[in-house]
Amino acid sequence: MLKGIGILVVIALVAVLIVFGPFITIWAMNTLFPALAIPYTFETWCAMVLISLYIKGNVSYKSK
């Protein structure tokens, strides 16, 4: 029973990070660079998701 609850908690945390992660990134950029003044809208959330997908897509891991 506890294993199932743990899996649900992990899934919930991942979902929260997926939803709020772009807003946290926008907040961080606004804090570091106040001149940006990026608004918190659905469009900026979508743009940050696309940017983060692009950045993560360009990283490659090669093991020997």
C-alpha atoms as a PDB file:
ATOM      1  CA  MET A   1       0.000   0.000   0.000  1.00  0.00           C
ATOM      2  CA  LEU A   2       2.768   2.463   0.878  1.00  0.00           C
ATOM      3  CA  LYS A   3       4.556   1.708  -2.386  1.00  0.00           C
ATOM      4  CA  GLY A   4       1.464   2.725  -4.352  1.00  0.00           C
ATOM      5  CA  ILE A   5       1.089   5.940  -2.363  1.00  0.00           C
ATOM      6  CA  GLY A   6       4.769   6.740  -2.948  1.00  0.00           C
ATOM      7  CA  ILE A   7       4.330   6.304  -6.692  1.00  0.00           C
ATOM      8  CA  LEU A   8       1.297   8.616  -6.637  1.00  0.00           C
ATOM      9  CA  VAL A   9       3.241  11.238  -4.680  1.00  0.00           C
ATOM     10  CA  VAL A  10       6.102  11.133  -7.186  1.00  0.00           C
ATOM     11  CA  ILE A  11       3.668  11.440 -10.106  1.00  0.00           C
ATOM     12  CA  ALA A  12       1.958  14.395  -8.392  1.00  0.00           C
ATOM     13  CA  LEU A  13       5.297  16.156  -7.773  1.00  0.00           C
ATOM     14  CA  VAL A  14       6.341  15.681 -11.391  1.00  0.00           C
ATOM     15  CA  ALA A  15       2.998  17.074 -12.573  1.00  0.00           C
ATOM     16  CA  VAL A  16       3.384  20.116 -10.287  1.00  0.00           C
ATOM     17  CA  LEU A  17       6.906  20.740 -11.603  1.00  0.00           C
ATOM     18  CA  ILE A  18       5.730  20.442 -15.202  1.00  0.00           C
ATOM     19  CA  VAL A  19       2.993  23.001 -14.598  1.00  0.00           C
ATOM     20  CA  PHE A  20       4.889  25.446 -12.375  1.00  0.00           C
ATOM     21  CA  GLY A  21       8.432  24.928 -13.714  1.00  0.00           C
ATOM     22  CA  PRO A  22       8.099  27.453 -16.555  1.00  0.00           C
ATOM     23  CA  PHE A  23       6.626  30.056 -14.173  1.00  0.00           C
ATOM     24  CA  ILE A  24       9.506  29.488 -11.757  1.00  0.00           C
ATOM     25  CA  THR A  25      11.941  30.016 -14.638  1.00  0.00           C
ATOM     26  CA  ILE A  26      10.186  33.238 -15.690  1.00  0.00           C
ATOM     27  CA  TRP A  27      10.253  34.436 -12.067  1.00  0.00           C
ATOM     28  CA  ALA A  28      13.974  33.688 -11.854  1.00  0.00           C
ATOM     29  CA  MET A  29      14.705  35.551 -15.092  1.00  0.00           C
ATOM     30  CA  ASN A  30      12.647  38.541 -13.925  1.00  0.00           C
ATOM     31  CA  THR A  31      14.510  38.531 -10.613  1.00  0.00           C
ATOM     32  CA  LEU A  32      17.957  38.351 -12.185  1.00  0.00           C
ATOM     33  CA  PHE A  33      17.198  40.719 -15.055  1.00  0.00           C
ATOM     34  CA  PRO A  34      14.505  43.225 -13.944  1.00  0.00           C
ATOM     35  CA  ALA A  35      14.616  45.010 -17.297  1.00  0.00           C
ATOM     36  CA  LEU A  36      13.018  41.959 -18.966  1.00  0.00           C
ATOM     37  CA  ALA A  37       9.692  42.352 -17.101  1.00  0.00           C
ATOM     38  CA  ILE A  38       8.247  39.163 -18.600  1.00  0.00           C
ATOM     39  CA  PRO A  39       4.529  38.898 -17.795  1.00  0.00           C
ATOM     40  CA  TYR A  40       3.038  35.740 -16.286  1.00  0.00           C
ATOM     41  CA  THR A  41       0.635  34.662 -19.035  1.00  0.00           C
ATOM     42  CA  PHE A  42      -0.285  31.422 -20.739  1.00  0.00           C
ATOM     43  CA  GLU A  43       1.663  32.512 -23.835  1.00  0.00           C
ATOM     44  CA  THR A  44       4.861  33.096 -21.898  1.00  0.00           C
ATOM     45  CA  TRP A  45       4.340  29.752 -20.132  1.00  0.00           C
ATOM     46  CA  CYS A  46       4.040  28.004 -23.516  1.00  0.00           C
ATOM     47  CA  ALA A  47       7.085  29.844 -24.823  1.00  0.00           C
ATOM     48  CA  MET A  48       9.163  28.782 -21.813  1.00  0.00           C
ATOM     49  CA  VAL A  49       8.030  25.166 -22.278  1.00  0.00           C
ATOM     50  CA  LEU A  50       9.146  25.280 -25.916  1.00  0.00           C
ATOM     51  CA  ILE A  51      12.476  26.880 -25.020  1.00  0.00           C
ATOM     52  CA  SER A  52      13.165  24.311 -22.320  1.00  0.00           C
ATOM     53  CA  LEU A  53      12.250  21.441 -24.665  1.00  0.00           C
ATOM     54  CA  TYR A  54      14.610  22.859 -27.278  1.00  0.00           C
ATOM     55  CA  ILE A  55      17.468  23.243 -24.802  1.00  0.00           C
ATOM     56  CA  LYS A  56      16.958  19.768 -23.349  1.00  0.00           C
ATOM     57  CA  GLY A  57      16.702  18.310 -26.849  1.00  0.00           C
ATOM     58  CA  ASN A  58      20.144  19.608 -27.804  1.00  0.00           C
ATOM     59  CA  VAL A  59      21.948  17.932 -24.911  1.00  0.00           C
ATOM     60  CA  SER A  60      23.477  14.577 -25.718  1.00  0.00           C
ATOM     61  CA  TYR A  61      24.938  12.057 -23.342  1.00  0.00           C
ATOM     62  CA  LYS A  62      27.663   9.807 -24.702  1.00  0.00           C
ATOM     63  CA  SER A  63      29.136   7.155 -22.477  1.00  0.00           C
ATOM     64  CA  LYS A  64      32.341   5.274 -23.154  1.00  0.00           C
END
